């Protein structure tokens, strides 16, 4: 059973947090609200990743690391694409892989999460990139089934095989 400790903020009111947070292993209080340790870990991860050589940060917050430059055109939101991809959580857990299934994925760009769509629209046909999606460009606070918890940063390695 997780013990709950009540913290009273001097200015901003009351906030519940668990014992682990109170012992300094995560969480805390900012402006009267507890800091979700998952959200903080994701922010820290993206901040550090953005400093890596070769990583470009887009205005939306999407981070792109080009692994192989392509030779063809960039897809548009109206296009259908064929890709090989793998998707991981920041802890290294693989949550999806067309490669493991042995068959590239085919889909309309308009039908995927915003960060994946934006990332693909920045890769030329034949190119390969690693995409780092802040949670608001992925599945946000709702998550996706049991594989992707709410507020998750998603990492995709994707190769653009065809555009039509």
Protein backbone atom coordinates (compact mmCIF):
# COMPACT_ATOMS: atom_id res chain seq x y z
CA UNK A 1 0.00 0.00 0.00
CA UNK A 2 1.34 3.42 -0.91
CA UNK A 3 1.28 5.81 2.02
CA UNK A 4 -0.02 9.24 1.19
CA UNK A 5 1.41 12.36 2.73
CA UNK A 6 -0.33 15.68 2.70
CA UNK A 7 1.77 18.70 1.80
CA UNK A 8 0.37 22.09 2.54
CA UNK A 9 1.66 24.79 0.21
CA UNK A 10 2.15 28.05 2.05
CA UNK A 11 0.80 30.12 -0.80
CA UNK A 12 -0.80 27.82 -3.33
CA UNK A 13 -2.89 25.39 -1.30
CA UNK A 14 -2.87 21.66 -0.80
CA UNK A 15 -1.34 18.89 -2.85
CA UNK A 16 -1.20 15.10 -2.40
CA UNK A 17 1.96 13.22 -3.27
CA UNK A 18 3.23 9.74 -2.43
CA UNK A 19 5.93 8.78 0.04
CA UNK A 20 8.55 8.21 -2.67
CA UNK A 21 8.10 11.77 -3.88
CA UNK A 22 8.34 13.08 -0.34
CA UNK A 23 11.64 11.23 0.07
CA UNK A 24 13.09 13.04 -2.95
CA UNK A 25 12.91 10.24 -5.51
CA UNK A 26 10.54 12.09 -7.79
CA UNK A 27 7.77 14.61 -7.95
CA UNK A 28 7.52 17.68 -5.80
CA UNK A 29 5.49 20.85 -5.79
CA UNK A 30 5.62 23.64 -8.32
CA UNK A 31 3.16 26.51 -8.10
CA UNK A 32 0.91 24.52 -5.80
CA UNK A 33 0.69 21.42 -8.03
CA UNK A 34 2.50 18.15 -7.74
CA UNK A 35 4.89 17.40 -10.60
CA UNK A 36 4.05 14.11 -12.26
CA UNK A 37 7.32 12.13 -12.28
CA UNK A 38 6.53 10.71 -15.75
CA UNK A 39 5.99 14.16 -17.21
CA UNK A 40 9.19 15.45 -15.59
CA UNK A 41 11.21 12.46 -16.82
CA UNK A 42 9.90 13.06 -20.35
CA UNK A 43 10.78 16.77 -20.22
CA UNK A 44 14.27 15.95 -18.94
CA UNK A 45 14.77 13.32 -21.64
CA UNK A 46 13.74 15.68 -24.44
CA UNK A 47 15.88 18.52 -23.07
CA UNK A 48 18.97 16.30 -22.99
CA UNK A 49 18.21 14.70 -26.36
CA UNK A 50 17.88 18.13 -28.00
CA UNK A 51 21.55 18.80 -27.13
CA UNK A 52 22.78 15.78 -29.09
CA UNK A 53 24.66 16.42 -32.32
CA UNK A 54 22.47 15.86 -35.37
CA UNK A 55 19.16 16.36 -33.57
CA UNK A 56 16.97 19.14 -34.98
CA UNK A 57 14.13 20.55 -32.89
CA UNK A 58 11.10 21.73 -34.85
CA UNK A 59 8.84 24.59 -33.74
CA UNK A 60 6.24 22.04 -32.58
CA UNK A 61 8.79 20.39 -30.26
CA UNK A 62 9.30 17.38 -32.52
CA UNK A 63 12.93 16.27 -32.58
CA UNK A 64 14.37 14.70 -35.74
CA UNK A 65 17.69 12.94 -36.22
CA UNK A 66 18.35 12.14 -39.89
CA UNK A 67 20.06 8.77 -40.28
CA UNK A 68 20.04 8.59 -44.09
CA UNK A 69 19.13 11.38 -46.50
CA UNK A 70 16.57 10.40 -49.08
CA UNK A 71 16.62 11.00 -52.82
CA UNK A 72 12.99 11.73 -53.63
CA UNK A 73 10.22 14.10 -52.72
CA UNK A 74 8.80 14.90 -49.30
CA UNK A 75 5.34 13.47 -48.62
CA UNK A 76 2.38 15.77 -47.99
CA UNK A 77 -0.57 15.31 -45.66
CA UNK A 78 -2.70 14.06 -48.57
CA UNK A 79 -0.23 11.27 -49.42
CA UNK A 80 -0.21 7.59 -48.57
CA UNK A 81 3.17 6.29 -47.45
CA UNK A 82 4.85 2.92 -47.04
CA UNK A 83 7.32 2.75 -44.17
CA UNK A 84 9.36 0.38 -42.09
CA UNK A 85 9.41 1.56 -38.50
CA UNK A 86 9.98 0.66 -34.89
CA UNK A 87 8.60 2.55 -31.91
CA UNK A 88 10.03 2.70 -28.38
CA UNK A 89 9.31 4.32 -25.06
CA UNK A 90 12.14 6.32 -23.47
CA UNK A 91 12.94 3.33 -21.23
CA UNK A 92 13.73 1.26 -24.35
CA UNK A 93 10.48 -0.74 -24.38
CA UNK A 94 9.54 -1.62 -27.96
CA UNK A 95 5.79 -1.03 -28.41
CA UNK A 96 5.40 -1.50 -32.17
CA UNK A 97 7.45 -2.66 -35.13
CA UNK A 98 6.61 -3.25 -38.77
CA UNK A 99 10.02 -4.91 -39.00
CA UNK A 100 9.10 -7.52 -36.37
CA UNK A 101 5.86 -8.17 -38.26
CA UNK A 102 7.91 -8.66 -41.44
CA UNK A 103 5.79 -6.30 -43.49
CA UNK A 104 6.10 -2.54 -44.10
CA UNK A 105 3.18 -0.40 -42.96
CA UNK A 106 1.03 1.52 -45.44
CA UNK A 107 -1.16 4.43 -44.33
CA UNK A 108 -2.41 7.92 -45.17
CA UNK A 109 -0.43 10.61 -43.38
CA UNK A 110 -3.66 12.29 -42.33
CA UNK A 111 -4.52 9.20 -40.28
CA UNK A 112 -1.55 9.08 -37.87
CA UNK A 113 -0.61 11.06 -34.77
CA UNK A 114 0.61 14.59 -35.39
CA UNK A 115 4.28 14.05 -34.52
CA UNK A 116 4.64 10.96 -36.69
CA UNK A 117 2.95 12.80 -39.57
CA UNK A 118 5.16 15.89 -39.16
CA UNK A 119 8.27 13.73 -38.92
CA UNK A 120 7.47 11.84 -42.10
CA UNK A 121 6.76 15.09 -43.93
CA UNK A 122 10.39 16.03 -43.15
CA UNK A 123 11.90 12.86 -44.65
CA UNK A 124 12.54 12.48 -48.36
CA UNK A 125 11.51 9.27 -50.12
CA UNK A 126 14.27 6.74 -49.41
CA UNK A 127 15.35 8.53 -46.23
CA UNK A 128 15.59 7.21 -42.71
CA UNK A 129 15.24 9.15 -39.47
CA UNK A 130 14.74 8.86 -35.75
CA UNK A 131 11.76 10.86 -34.48
CA UNK A 132 11.31 11.95 -30.86
CA UNK A 133 7.67 12.89 -30.21
CA UNK A 134 6.73 14.89 -27.12
CA UNK A 135 3.57 13.38 -25.65
CA UNK A 136 1.34 16.15 -27.01
CA UNK A 137 2.42 15.18 -30.54
CA UNK A 138 1.70 11.50 -29.82
CA UNK A 139 -1.13 10.14 -27.73
CA UNK A 140 -1.04 12.82 -25.02
CA UNK A 141 -2.94 12.33 -21.81
CA UNK A 142 -5.06 9.47 -23.20
CA UNK A 143 -2.22 7.08 -24.06
CA UNK A 144 -2.92 4.19 -26.44
CA UNK A 145 -4.27 0.94 -25.04
CA UNK A 146 -2.04 -0.92 -22.62
CA UNK A 147 1.16 -0.40 -24.63
CA UNK A 148 1.52 3.38 -24.43
CA UNK A 149 0.75 5.03 -21.07
CA UNK A 150 -0.57 8.60 -20.90
CA UNK A 151 1.98 11.42 -21.32
CA UNK A 152 4.56 9.20 -23.04
CA UNK A 153 7.37 10.47 -25.22
CA UNK A 154 7.58 8.21 -28.27
CA UNK A 155 10.71 7.38 -30.26
CA UNK A 156 10.39 6.07 -33.80
CA UNK A 157 13.02 4.94 -36.23
CA UNK A 158 11.37 5.15 -39.63
CA UNK A 159 12.41 4.54 -43.23
CA UNK A 160 10.25 6.06 -45.97
CA UNK A 161 9.95 3.38 -48.65
CA UNK A 162 7.25 4.79 -50.93
CA UNK A 163 4.98 7.82 -51.34
CA UNK A 164 1.85 7.99 -53.51
